[in-house]
């Protein structure tokens, strides 16, 4: 997933002070590229909160009528210092990246891409798709892992079921289910389906902070109301997570969590670094890579942190201009 905003804001992210109650974060609407621009609803980062564990980016989209918006058409673009998590409820997306991975994103199947020192990828909804509905999430890599080799992993979690609810754990462990997918900090990601009126109580890790994104239906999280597309935040310290569906409708949510990252990161466009200078260098590297592909071929360009996406028919996405002033930190 790319952040296709043409005037992206640099965000210096650090753990926010702990809170004693649930925080509710409403989404903001962002167009996701293309001539008609498929809309997404972004709830992380926010001015008031940038991280939940290592989770640093939450986009929620759909149900999107592809005939009206053109669907998802995101050309090859770069990432550094993060992992991208693709999780669909409806539809299908074709993924290609510079490691040579070529895969389909389908409902209930995790695609996790580790950018590490640098990767390029594209995402395009397939021709057969009429409705797209899902989430795209980023995980910030901690200092010790942010220069790791790029890679791609795929995993199909089994469902865990209880009275009136169903859970799929795609990262971390919960309710006796554990994902084998490699991460670099203590983390949790899961999809939860609830029947009308259902209540689920799950054991929580007191070290974790948690976020609950309401997809369909209004929910209650720890007794607080969470409207559709809102993200609720819970500070570390809880031993139990309680989630209620409305009495008259089923509900779906995405639960994320993790130990507070404890590091400051700088995020601008599709890059995560630790300083203004790193972000400037990442952008320069990407623009030089594009120039090499366009004029001399990637192989003639010499060593680069980015490589071409094999057999991708779309031209690479240029980076937006940096602000005129030095990128300033924001917490």
C-alpha atoms as a PDB file:
ATOM      1  CA  UNK A   1       0.000   0.000   0.000  1.00  0.00           C
ATOM      2  CA  UNK A   2       1.266   3.430  -0.889  1.00  0.00           C
ATOM      3  CA  UNK A   3       0.595   6.716   0.806  1.00  0.00           C
ATOM      4  CA  UNK A   4      -0.303   8.634  -2.359  1.00  0.00           C
ATOM      5  CA  UNK A   5      -0.833  12.036  -0.756  1.00  0.00           C
ATOM      6  CA  UNK A   6       0.998  14.662  -2.815  1.00  0.00           C
ATOM      7  CA  UNK A   7       1.758  16.809   0.230  1.00  0.00           C
ATOM      8  CA  UNK A   8       2.524  14.209   2.896  1.00  0.00           C
ATOM      9  CA  UNK A   9       3.384  15.463   6.349  1.00  0.00           C
ATOM     10  CA  UNK A  10       6.476  14.211   8.135  1.00  0.00           C
ATOM     11  CA  UNK A  11       5.534  12.709  11.455  1.00  0.00           C
ATOM     12  CA  UNK A  12       7.977  12.060  14.266  1.00  0.00           C
ATOM     13  CA  UNK A  13       6.275   9.346  16.212  1.00  0.00           C
ATOM     14  CA  UNK A  14       6.832   8.367  19.810  1.00  0.00           C
ATOM     15  CA  UNK A  15       4.809   6.605  22.439  1.00  0.00           C
ATOM     16  CA  UNK A  16       2.140   8.943  23.807  1.00  0.00           C
ATOM     17  CA  UNK A  17       1.453   9.242  27.540  1.00  0.00           C
ATOM     18  CA  UNK A  18      -0.698   6.456  28.963  1.00  0.00           C
ATOM     19  CA  UNK A  19      -4.392   7.189  29.355  1.00  0.00           C
ATOM     20  CA  UNK A  20      -6.890   5.943  31.900  1.00  0.00           C
ATOM     21  CA  UNK A  21      -9.836   5.503  29.515  1.00  0.00           C
ATOM     22  CA  UNK A  22     -10.551   4.500  25.943  1.00  0.00           C
ATOM     23  CA  UNK A  23      -9.492   7.034  23.330  1.00  0.00           C
ATOM     24  CA  UNK A  24     -11.691   7.237  20.222  1.00  0.00           C
ATOM     25  CA  UNK A  25      -9.994   8.320  17.008  1.00  0.00           C
ATOM     26  CA  UNK A  26     -12.229   9.232  14.056  1.00  0.00           C
ATOM     27  CA  UNK A  27     -10.969   8.621  10.506  1.00  0.00           C
ATOM     28  CA  UNK A  28      -9.977  11.153   7.910  1.00  0.00           C
ATOM     29  CA  UNK A  29     -10.711  10.558   4.225  1.00  0.00           C
ATOM     30  CA  UNK A  30      -7.732  10.209   1.886  1.00  0.00           C
ATOM     31  CA  UNK A  31      -7.863   9.554  -1.901  1.00  0.00           C
ATOM     32  CA  UNK A  32      -5.761   6.545  -2.925  1.00  0.00           C
ATOM     33  CA  UNK A  33      -4.371   7.428  -6.354  1.00  0.00           C
ATOM     34  CA  UNK A  34      -5.894   6.718  -9.740  1.00  0.00           C
ATOM     35  CA  UNK A  35      -7.831   9.126 -11.964  1.00  0.00           C
ATOM     36  CA  UNK A  36     -10.995   8.660  -9.925  1.00  0.00           C
ATOM     37  CA  UNK A  37      -9.221   8.038  -6.609  1.00  0.00           C
ATOM     38  CA  UNK A  38     -10.494   5.197  -4.476  1.00  0.00           C
ATOM     39  CA  UNK A  39     -11.171   6.683  -1.012  1.00  0.00           C
ATOM     40  CA  UNK A  40      -9.694   5.258   2.176  1.00  0.00           C
ATOM     41  CA  UNK A  41     -10.347   6.147   5.803  1.00  0.00           C
ATOM     42  CA  UNK A  42      -7.148   6.707   7.815  1.00  0.00           C
ATOM     43  CA  UNK A  43      -7.146   6.439  11.603  1.00  0.00           C
ATOM     44  CA  UNK A  44      -3.402   6.130  12.267  1.00  0.00           C
ATOM     45  CA  UNK A  45      -1.287   8.204  12.526  1.00  0.00           C
ATOM     46  CA  UNK A  46      -3.266  10.940  14.263  1.00  0.00           C
ATOM     47  CA  UNK A  47      -2.010  14.216  15.685  1.00  0.00           C
ATOM     48  CA  UNK A  48      -2.912  12.903  19.139  1.00  0.00           C
ATOM     49  CA  UNK A  49      -1.547   9.373  18.647  1.00  0.00           C
ATOM     50  CA  UNK A  50       1.038   8.055  16.208  1.00  0.00           C
ATOM     51  CA  UNK A  51       1.689   4.493  17.373  1.00  0.00           C
ATOM     52  CA  UNK A  52      -0.115   1.528  18.900  1.00  0.00           C
ATOM     53  CA  UNK A  53       2.693  -0.843  19.720  1.00  0.00           C
ATOM     54  CA  UNK A  54       4.672  -0.864  16.465  1.00  0.00           C
ATOM     55  CA  UNK A  55       1.517  -0.217  14.403  1.00  0.00           C
ATOM     56  CA  UNK A  56       1.985   3.172  12.755  1.00  0.00           C
ATOM     57  CA  UNK A  57      -0.485   3.295   9.855  1.00  0.00           C
ATOM     58  CA  UNK A  58      -4.114   2.113   9.535  1.00  0.00           C
ATOM     59  CA  UNK A  59      -6.120   2.516   6.321  1.00  0.00           C
ATOM     60  CA  UNK A  60      -9.676   1.168   6.082  1.00  0.00           C
ATOM     61  CA  UNK A  61     -11.499   1.069   2.746  1.00  0.00           C
ATOM     62  CA  UNK A  62     -14.765  -0.118   1.244  1.00  0.00           C
ATOM     63  CA  UNK A  63     -17.073  -1.591   0.527  1.00  0.00           C
ATOM     64  CA  UNK A  64     -15.829   0.220  -2.582  1.00  0.00           C
ATOM     65  CA  UNK A  65     -17.650  -0.035  -5.919  1.00  0.00           C
ATOM     66  CA  UNK A  66     -14.792  -0.581  -8.352  1.00  0.00           C
ATOM     67  CA  UNK A  67     -16.982   0.458 -11.297  1.00  0.00           C
ATOM     68  CA  UNK A  68     -17.259   3.935  -9.781  1.00  0.00           C
ATOM     69  CA  UNK A  69     -13.750   4.479  -8.385  1.00  0.00           C
ATOM     70  CA  UNK A  70     -11.577   2.321 -10.595  1.00  0.00           C
ATOM     71  CA  UNK A  71     -10.528   0.226  -7.616  1.00  0.00           C
ATOM     72  CA  UNK A  72      -6.966  -0.003  -6.357  1.00  0.00           C
ATOM     73  CA  UNK A  73      -4.313   0.907  -8.916  1.00  0.00           C
ATOM     74  CA  UNK A  74      -1.067   1.675  -7.085  1.00  0.00           C
ATOM     75  CA  UNK A  75       2.053   1.554  -9.318  1.00  0.00           C
ATOM     76  CA  UNK A  76       5.482   0.439  -8.076  1.00  0.00           C
ATOM     77  CA  UNK A  77       6.497   2.612  -5.139  1.00  0.00           C
ATOM     78  CA  UNK A  78       9.114   2.362  -2.373  1.00  0.00           C
ATOM     79  CA  UNK A  79       9.142   1.579   1.337  1.00  0.00           C
ATOM     80  CA  UNK A  80      11.851   1.567   4.003  1.00  0.00           C
ATOM     81  CA  UNK A  81      11.945   0.622   7.690  1.00  0.00           C
ATOM     82  CA  UNK A  82       8.521  -1.027   7.928  1.00  0.00           C
ATOM     83  CA  UNK A  83       6.323  -4.058   7.288  1.00  0.00           C
ATOM     84  CA  UNK A  84       3.068  -3.779   5.326  1.00  0.00           C
ATOM     85  CA  UNK A  85       0.061  -5.904   6.272  1.00  0.00           C
ATOM     86  CA  UNK A  86      -2.645  -6.541   3.656  1.00  0.00           C
ATOM     87  CA  UNK A  87      -5.931  -8.006   4.918  1.00  0.00           C
ATOM     88  CA  UNK A  88      -9.050  -8.191   2.763  1.00  0.00           C
ATOM     89  CA  UNK A  89     -12.718  -8.758   3.645  1.00  0.00           C
ATOM     90  CA  UNK A  90     -13.973  -8.739   0.028  1.00  0.00           C
ATOM     91  CA  UNK A  91     -12.272  -8.676  -3.369  1.00  0.00           C
ATOM     92  CA  UNK A  92      -8.824  -9.546  -4.696  1.00  0.00           C
ATOM     93  CA  UNK A  93      -5.600  -7.567  -5.181  1.00  0.00           C
ATOM     94  CA  UNK A  94      -2.539  -8.534  -7.200  1.00  0.00           C
ATOM     95  CA  UNK A  95       0.756  -7.900  -5.417  1.00  0.00           C
ATOM     96  CA  UNK A  96       4.198  -7.691  -7.047  1.00  0.00           C
ATOM     97  CA  UNK A  97       7.431  -6.621  -5.382  1.00  0.00           C
ATOM     98  CA  UNK A  98      11.115  -6.233  -6.055  1.00  0.00           C
ATOM     99  CA  UNK A  99      12.028  -9.461  -4.251  1.00  0.00           C
ATOM    100  CA  UNK A 100      10.288 -11.262  -7.134  1.00  0.00           C
ATOM    101  CA  UNK A 101       7.182 -12.091  -5.101  1.00  0.00           C
ATOM    102  CA  UNK A 102       3.949 -12.227  -7.103  1.00  0.00           C
ATOM    103  CA  UNK A 103       0.858 -13.075  -5.067  1.00  0.00           C
ATOM    104  CA  UNK A 104      -2.851 -12.478  -4.735  1.00  0.00           C
ATOM    105  CA  UNK A 105      -4.337 -10.822  -1.661  1.00  0.00           C
ATOM    106  CA  UNK A 106      -7.610 -12.608  -0.867  1.00  0.00           C
ATOM    107  CA  UNK A 107     -10.087 -12.445   2.021  1.00  0.00           C
ATOM    108  CA  UNK A 108      -8.877 -14.152   5.179  1.00  0.00           C
ATOM    109  CA  UNK A 109      -5.285 -14.472   3.903  1.00  0.00           C
ATOM    110  CA  UNK A 110      -2.376 -12.440   5.233  1.00  0.00           C
ATOM    111  CA  UNK A 111       0.213 -10.924   2.925  1.00  0.00           C
ATOM    112  CA  UNK A 112       3.082  -9.427   4.909  1.00  0.00           C
ATOM    113  CA  UNK A 113       5.859  -7.542   3.129  1.00  0.00           C
ATOM    114  CA  UNK A 114       9.008  -6.539   5.001  1.00  0.00           C
ATOM    115  CA  UNK A 115      10.630  -3.475   3.461  1.00  0.00           C
ATOM    116  CA  UNK A 116      13.691  -3.417   5.695  1.00  0.00           C
ATOM    117  CA  UNK A 117      16.484  -1.526   3.955  1.00  0.00           C
ATOM    118  CA  UNK A 118      14.329  -0.911   0.886  1.00  0.00           C
ATOM    119  CA  UNK A 119      11.694  -2.511  -1.319  1.00  0.00           C
ATOM    120  CA  UNK A 120       9.365  -1.531  -4.158  1.00  0.00           C
ATOM    121  CA  UNK A 121       5.940  -3.020  -4.817  1.00  0.00           C
ATOM    122  CA  UNK A 122       2.649  -2.502  -6.617  1.00  0.00           C
ATOM    123  CA  UNK A 123      -0.962  -3.345  -5.772  1.00  0.00           C
ATOM    124  CA  UNK A 124      -3.753  -3.560  -8.339  1.00  0.00           C
ATOM    125  CA  UNK A 125      -7.263  -4.927  -7.887  1.00  0.00           C
ATOM    126  CA  UNK A 126      -7.965  -7.702 -10.391  1.00  0.00           C
ATOM    127  CA  UNK A 127     -10.346  -7.356 -13.339  1.00  0.00           C
ATOM    128  CA  UNK A 128     -12.869  -9.749 -11.801  1.00  0.00           C
ATOM    129  CA  UNK A 129     -13.382  -7.605  -8.705  1.00  0.00           C
ATOM    130  CA  UNK A 130     -16.559  -5.542  -8.349  1.00  0.00           C
ATOM    131  CA  UNK A 131     -16.267  -4.696  -4.614  1.00  0.00           C
ATOM    132  CA  UNK A 132     -13.115  -4.011  -2.579  1.00  0.00           C
ATOM    133  CA  UNK A 133     -13.234  -3.985   1.212  1.00  0.00           C
ATOM    134  CA  UNK A 134     -10.381  -4.368   3.673  1.00  0.00           C
ATOM    135  CA  UNK A 135      -7.530  -2.790   5.610  1.00  0.00           C
ATOM    136  CA  UNK A 136      -3.910  -1.913   4.930  1.00  0.00           C
ATOM    137  CA  UNK A 137      -1.622  -1.555   7.937  1.00  0.00           C
ATOM    138  CA  UNK A 138       2.030  -0.707   8.574  1.00  0.00           C
ATOM    139  CA  UNK A 139       4.353  -1.892  11.313  1.00  0.00           C
ATOM    140  CA  UNK A 140       7.401   0.218  12.153  1.00  0.00           C
ATOM    141  CA  UNK A 141      10.543  -1.881  12.390  1.00  0.00           C
ATOM    142  CA  UNK A 142      12.593  -1.319  15.547  1.00  0.00           C
ATOM    143  CA  UNK A 143      16.128   0.002  15.270  1.00  0.00           C
ATOM    144  CA  UNK A 144      17.677  -3.460  15.449  1.00  0.00           C
ATOM    145  CA  UNK A 145      15.676  -4.733  12.459  1.00  0.00           C
ATOM    146  CA  UNK A 146      15.027  -1.743  10.236  1.00  0.00           C
ATOM    147  CA  UNK A 147      17.886  -2.547   7.834  1.00  0.00           C
ATOM    148  CA  UNK A 148      16.964  -6.202   7.450  1.00  0.00           C
ATOM    149  CA  UNK A 149      16.733  -7.812   4.012  1.00  0.00           C
ATOM    150  CA  UNK A 150      13.373  -7.305   2.290  1.00  0.00           C
ATOM    151  CA  UNK A 151      11.052 -10.308   2.099  1.00  0.00           C
ATOM    152  CA  UNK A 152       7.458 -11.390   1.481  1.00  0.00           C
ATOM    153  CA  UNK A 153       5.345 -13.897   3.467  1.00  0.00           C
ATOM    154  CA  UNK A 154       1.875 -15.360   3.078  1.00  0.00           C
ATOM    155  CA  UNK A 155      -0.268 -17.038   5.757  1.00  0.00           C
ATOM    156  CA  UNK A 156      -3.852 -18.326   6.007  1.00  0.00           C
ATOM    157  CA  UNK A 157      -4.929 -18.438   9.683  1.00  0.00           C
ATOM    158  CA  UNK A 158      -7.483 -20.917  10.946  1.00  0.00           C
ATOM    159  CA  UNK A 159     -10.600 -19.607  12.647  1.00  0.00           C
ATOM    160  CA  UNK A 160     -11.009 -19.781  16.427  1.00  0.00           C
ATOM    161  CA  UNK A 161     -14.688 -19.886  17.425  1.00  0.00           C
ATOM    162  CA  UNK A 162     -16.649 -19.183  20.568  1.00  0.00           C
ATOM    163  CA  UNK A 163     -20.296 -18.470  21.419  1.00  0.00           C
ATOM    164  CA  UNK A 164     -21.399 -15.999  18.749  1.00  0.00           C
ATOM    165  CA  UNK A 165     -17.909 -15.009  17.617  1.00  0.00           C
ATOM    166  CA  UNK A 166     -15.108 -16.010  15.266  1.00  0.00           C
ATOM    167  CA  UNK A 167     -11.475 -14.885  15.393  1.00  0.00           C
ATOM    168  CA  UNK A 168      -8.578 -15.107  12.921  1.00  0.00           C
ATOM    169  CA  UNK A 169      -5.144 -14.249  14.294  1.00  0.00           C
ATOM    170  CA  UNK A 170      -2.857 -13.159  11.464  1.00  0.00           C
ATOM    171  CA  UNK A 171       0.013 -11.821  13.608  1.00  0.00           C
ATOM    172  CA  UNK A 172       1.067 -12.710  17.132  1.00  0.00           C
ATOM    173  CA  UNK A 173      -0.986 -14.910  19.444  1.00  0.00           C
ATOM    174  CA  UNK A 174      -4.466 -14.756  20.970  1.00  0.00           C
ATOM    175  CA  UNK A 175      -7.141 -17.192  22.193  1.00  0.00           C
ATOM    176  CA  UNK A 176      -4.885 -20.199  21.689  1.00  0.00           C
ATOM    177  CA  UNK A 177      -4.036 -19.317  18.074  1.00  0.00           C
ATOM    178  CA  UNK A 178      -0.532 -18.240  17.048  1.00  0.00           C
ATOM    179  CA  UNK A 179       0.705 -16.919  13.721  1.00  0.00           C
ATOM    180  CA  UNK A 180       4.059 -18.261  12.454  1.00  0.00           C
ATOM    181  CA  UNK A 181       4.755 -15.105  10.438  1.00  0.00           C
ATOM    182  CA  UNK A 182       7.961 -13.316  11.457  1.00  0.00           C
ATOM    183  CA  UNK A 183       7.722  -9.957  13.159  1.00  0.00           C
ATOM    184  CA  UNK A 184      10.348  -7.905  14.972  1.00  0.00           C
ATOM    185  CA  UNK A 185       8.531  -6.705  18.078  1.00  0.00           C
ATOM    186  CA  UNK A 186       5.817  -8.172  20.343  1.00  0.00           C
ATOM    187  CA  UNK A 187       2.688  -7.640  18.253  1.00  0.00           C
ATOM    188  CA  UNK A 188      -0.922  -8.726  17.655  1.00  0.00           C
ATOM    189  CA  UNK A 189      -3.227  -8.524  14.638  1.00  0.00           C
ATOM    190  CA  UNK A 190      -6.597 -10.292  14.341  1.00  0.00           C
ATOM    191  CA  UNK A 191      -9.982 -10.108  12.620  1.00  0.00           C
ATOM    192  CA  UNK A 192     -13.060 -10.581  14.821  1.00  0.00           C
ATOM    193  CA  UNK A 193     -16.584 -11.434  13.629  1.00  0.00           C
ATOM    194  CA  UNK A 194     -19.496 -11.098  16.050  1.00  0.00           C
ATOM    195  CA  UNK A 195     -23.108 -12.200  15.759  1.00  0.00           C
ATOM    196  CA  UNK A 196     -25.842  -9.739  16.852  1.00  0.00           C
ATOM    197  CA  UNK A 197     -25.696  -9.227  20.610  1.00  0.00           C
ATOM    198  CA  UNK A 198     -22.563 -11.334  21.048  1.00  0.00           C
ATOM    199  CA  UNK A 199     -20.013 -10.529  23.727  1.00  0.00           C
ATOM    200  CA  UNK A 200     -16.441 -11.791  23.684  1.00  0.00           C
ATOM    201  CA  UNK A 201     -13.888 -11.585  26.463  1.00  0.00           C
ATOM    202  CA  UNK A 202     -10.290 -12.288  25.520  1.00  0.00           C
ATOM    203  CA  UNK A 203      -7.194 -12.550  27.679  1.00  0.00           C
ATOM    204  CA  UNK A 204      -5.017  -9.486  27.183  1.00  0.00           C
ATOM    205  CA  UNK A 205      -1.285  -9.015  27.665  1.00  0.00           C
ATOM    206  CA  UNK A 206      -0.945  -6.236  30.289  1.00  0.00           C
ATOM    207  CA  UNK A 207       2.269  -5.103  28.573  1.00  0.00           C
ATOM    208  CA  UNK A 208       0.371  -4.371  25.356  1.00  0.00           C
ATOM    209  CA  UNK A 209      -1.515  -1.323  24.213  1.00  0.00           C
ATOM    210  CA  UNK A 210      -4.468  -2.181  21.944  1.00  0.00           C
ATOM    211  CA  UNK A 211      -6.477  -0.676  19.133  1.00  0.00           C
ATOM    212  CA  UNK A 212      -9.884  -1.806  17.875  1.00  0.00           C
ATOM    213  CA  UNK A 213     -10.991  -0.700  14.399  1.00  0.00           C
ATOM    214  CA  UNK A 214     -14.755  -1.030  13.867  1.00  0.00           C
ATOM    215  CA  UNK A 215     -15.436  -2.234  10.339  1.00  0.00           C
ATOM    216  CA  UNK A 216     -19.163  -2.992  10.135  1.00  0.00           C
ATOM    217  CA  UNK A 217     -21.578  -2.196  12.914  1.00  0.00           C
ATOM    218  CA  UNK A 218     -21.165  -0.123  16.049  1.00  0.00           C
ATOM    219  CA  UNK A 219     -19.273  -1.843  18.866  1.00  0.00           C
ATOM    220  CA  UNK A 220     -18.450  -1.459  22.507  1.00  0.00           C
ATOM    221  CA  UNK A 221     -14.825  -1.865  23.571  1.00  0.00           C
ATOM    222  CA  UNK A 222     -14.214  -2.008  27.301  1.00  0.00           C
ATOM    223  CA  UNK A 223     -17.644  -0.394  27.663  1.00  0.00           C
ATOM    224  CA  UNK A 224     -16.913   2.524  25.306  1.00  0.00           C
ATOM    225  CA  UNK A 225     -18.932   3.023  22.108  1.00  0.00           C
ATOM    226  CA  UNK A 226     -16.950   2.687  18.879  1.00  0.00           C
ATOM    227  CA  UNK A 227     -18.727   3.772  15.691  1.00  0.00           C
ATOM    228  CA  UNK A 228     -18.064   2.340  12.248  1.00  0.00           C
ATOM    229  CA  UNK A 229     -14.560   3.191  10.934  1.00  0.00           C
ATOM    230  CA  UNK A 230     -13.427   4.599  14.292  1.00  0.00           C
ATOM    231  CA  UNK A 231     -10.285   3.356  16.021  1.00  0.00           C
ATOM    232  CA  UNK A 232     -10.428   2.871  19.786  1.00  0.00           C
ATOM    233  CA  UNK A 233      -7.221   2.894  21.843  1.00  0.00           C
ATOM    234  CA  UNK A 234      -6.561   1.124  25.154  1.00  0.00           C
ATOM    235  CA  UNK A 235      -3.389   1.813  27.150  1.00  0.00           C
ATOM    236  CA  UNK A 236      -1.258  -0.987  28.647  1.00  0.00           C
ATOM    237  CA  UNK A 237      -2.372  -2.565  31.908  1.00  0.00           C
ATOM    238  CA  UNK A 238      -5.540  -4.504  31.050  1.00  0.00           C
ATOM    239  CA  UNK A 239      -5.769  -8.250  31.575  1.00  0.00           C
ATOM    240  CA  UNK A 240      -9.021  -8.698  29.651  1.00  0.00           C
ATOM    241  CA  UNK A 241     -10.474  -7.318  26.421  1.00  0.00           C
ATOM    242  CA  UNK A 242     -14.276  -7.091  26.283  1.00  0.00           C
ATOM    243  CA  UNK A 243     -15.988  -6.434  22.941  1.00  0.00           C
ATOM    244  CA  UNK A 244     -19.772  -6.239  22.418  1.00  0.00           C
ATOM    245  CA  UNK A 245     -21.699  -6.355  19.150  1.00  0.00           C
ATOM    246  CA  UNK A 246     -24.924  -4.342  18.745  1.00  0.00           C
ATOM    247  CA  UNK A 247     -28.092  -6.242  19.600  1.00  0.00           C
ATOM    248  CA  UNK A 248     -29.634  -5.948  16.156  1.00  0.00           C
ATOM    249  CA  UNK A 249     -26.728  -6.507  13.727  1.00  0.00           C
ATOM    250  CA  UNK A 250     -23.553  -8.510  13.239  1.00  0.00           C
ATOM    251  CA  UNK A 251     -20.225  -6.723  13.511  1.00  0.00           C
ATOM    252  CA  UNK A 252     -16.662  -7.064  12.336  1.00  0.00           C
ATOM    253  CA  UNK A 253     -13.534  -5.482  13.801  1.00  0.00           C
ATOM    254  CA  UNK A 254      -9.775  -5.593  13.454  1.00  0.00           C
ATOM    255  CA  UNK A 255      -7.868  -5.852  16.723  1.00  0.00           C
ATOM    256  CA  UNK A 256      -4.266  -4.659  16.827  1.00  0.00           C
ATOM    257  CA  UNK A 257      -1.839  -4.393  19.704  1.00  0.00           C
ATOM    258  CA  UNK A 258       1.704  -4.635  20.891  1.00  0.00           C
ATOM    259  CA  UNK A 259       4.271  -3.516  23.410  1.00  0.00           C
ATOM    260  CA  UNK A 260       4.942   0.220  23.095  1.00  0.00           C
ATOM    261  CA  UNK A 261       7.728   0.586  20.544  1.00  0.00           C
ATOM    262  CA  UNK A 262       9.753   2.851  22.821  1.00  0.00           C
ATOM    263  CA  UNK A 263      11.526   4.470  19.871  1.00  0.00           C
ATOM    264  CA  UNK A 264      11.049   7.683  17.943  1.00  0.00           C
ATOM    265  CA  UNK A 265      10.504   7.299  14.211  1.00  0.00           C
ATOM    266  CA  UNK A 266      10.181   9.782  11.373  1.00  0.00           C
ATOM    267  CA  UNK A 267       7.541   8.902   8.790  1.00  0.00           C
ATOM    268  CA  UNK A 268       7.092  10.778   5.511  1.00  0.00           C
ATOM    269  CA  UNK A 269       5.319   9.511   2.381  1.00  0.00           C
ATOM    270  CA  UNK A 270       6.216   5.784   2.191  1.00  0.00           C
ATOM    271  CA  UNK A 271       9.423   5.984   4.189  1.00  0.00           C
ATOM    272  CA  UNK A 272      10.172   5.389   7.842  1.00  0.00           C
ATOM    273  CA  UNK A 273      13.506   6.588   9.139  1.00  0.00           C
ATOM    274  CA  UNK A 274      15.031   8.197  12.191  1.00  0.00           C
ATOM    275  CA  UNK A 275      15.968  11.648  10.919  1.00  0.00           C
ATOM    276  CA  UNK A 276      15.299  14.325   8.331  1.00  0.00           C
ATOM    277  CA  UNK A 277      18.531  13.411   6.569  1.00  0.00           C
ATOM    278  CA  UNK A 278      17.555   9.752   6.200  1.00  0.00           C
ATOM    279  CA  UNK A 279      14.209  10.637   4.645  1.00  0.00           C
ATOM    280  CA  UNK A 280      15.893  12.987   2.183  1.00  0.00           C
ATOM    281  CA  UNK A 281      18.338  10.229   1.220  1.00  0.00           C
ATOM    282  CA  UNK A 282      15.579   7.634   0.770  1.00  0.00           C
ATOM    283  CA  UNK A 283      13.710   9.984  -1.547  1.00  0.00           C
ATOM    284  CA  UNK A 284      16.888  10.716  -3.513  1.00  0.00           C
ATOM    285  CA  UNK A 285      17.630   6.993  -3.848  1.00  0.00           C
ATOM    286  CA  UNK A 286      14.124   6.306  -5.165  1.00  0.00           C
ATOM    287  CA  UNK A 287      14.207   9.145  -7.697  1.00  0.00           C
ATOM    288  CA  UNK A 288      17.604   7.990  -8.932  1.00  0.00           C
ATOM    289  CA  UNK A 289      16.251   4.453  -9.258  1.00  0.00           C
ATOM    290  CA  UNK A 290      13.315   5.696 -11.339  1.00  0.00           C
ATOM    291  CA  UNK A 291      15.677   7.640 -13.571  1.00  0.00           C
ATOM    292  CA  UNK A 292      17.844   4.584 -14.094  1.00  0.00           C
ATOM    293  CA  UNK A 293      14.828   2.451 -14.997  1.00  0.00           C
ATOM    294  CA  UNK A 294      13.517   5.044 -17.426  1.00  0.00           C
ATOM    295  CA  UNK A 295      16.765   5.838 -19.199  1.00  0.00           C
ATOM    296  CA  UNK A 296      19.391   3.156 -18.791  1.00  0.00           C
ATOM    297  CA  UNK A 297      17.729   0.133 -17.289  1.00  0.00           C
ATOM    298  CA  UNK A 298      17.955  -0.799 -13.624  1.00  0.00           C
ATOM    299  CA  UNK A 299      20.922  -3.107 -14.202  1.00  0.00           C
ATOM    300  CA  UNK A 300      23.020  -0.221 -15.524  1.00  0.00           C
ATOM    301  CA  UNK A 301      22.386   1.976 -12.542  1.00  0.00           C
ATOM    302  CA  UNK A 302      24.786   0.232 -10.196  1.00  0.00           C
ATOM    303  CA  UNK A 303      24.051  -0.680  -6.567  1.00  0.00           C
ATOM    304  CA  UNK A 304      20.838   0.768  -5.149  1.00  0.00           C
ATOM    305  CA  UNK A 305      18.655   0.196  -2.096  1.00  0.00           C
ATOM    306  CA  UNK A 306      15.704  -0.259  -4.495  1.00  0.00           C
ATOM    307  CA  UNK A 307      15.248  -2.774  -7.304  1.00  0.00           C
ATOM    308  CA  UNK A 308      12.747  -3.017 -10.136  1.00  0.00           C
ATOM    309  CA  UNK A 309       9.452  -4.854  -9.706  1.00  0.00           C
ATOM    310  CA  UNK A 310       9.709  -7.698 -12.233  1.00  0.00           C
ATOM    311  CA  UNK A 311       7.150  -7.823 -15.048  1.00  0.00           C
ATOM    312  CA  UNK A 312       5.127  -4.914 -13.704  1.00  0.00           C
ATOM    313  CA  UNK A 313       3.360  -3.072 -16.547  1.00  0.00           C
ATOM    314  CA  UNK A 314       2.918   0.180 -14.602  1.00  0.00           C
ATOM    315  CA  UNK A 315       5.570   2.929 -14.482  1.00  0.00           C
ATOM    316  CA  UNK A 316       7.036   3.661 -11.022  1.00  0.00           C
ATOM    317  CA  UNK A 317       5.358   6.297  -8.879  1.00  0.00           C
ATOM    318  CA  UNK A 318       7.561   9.407  -8.450  1.00  0.00           C
ATOM    319  CA  UNK A 319       8.041  10.728  -4.935  1.00  0.00           C
ATOM    320  CA  UNK A 320       6.279  13.982  -4.071  1.00  0.00           C
ATOM    321  CA  UNK A 321       8.334  17.089  -3.434  1.00  0.00           C
ATOM    322  CA  UNK A 322       9.791  17.558   0.003  1.00  0.00           C
ATOM    323  CA  UNK A 323       8.608  20.599   1.971  1.00  0.00           C
ATOM    324  CA  UNK A 324      10.600  23.784   1.356  1.00  0.00           C
ATOM    325  CA  UNK A 325      11.583  23.952   5.006  1.00  0.00           C
ATOM    326  CA  UNK A 326      13.438  21.313   6.992  1.00  0.00           C
ATOM    327  CA  UNK A 327      11.168  18.495   8.048  1.00  0.00           C
ATOM    328  CA  UNK A 328      10.108  19.200  11.592  1.00  0.00           C
ATOM    329  CA  UNK A 329       9.342  16.527  14.162  1.00  0.00           C
ATOM    330  CA  UNK A 330       5.796  16.015  15.352  1.00  0.00           C
ATOM    331  CA  UNK A 331       4.778  13.927  18.340  1.00  0.00           C
END
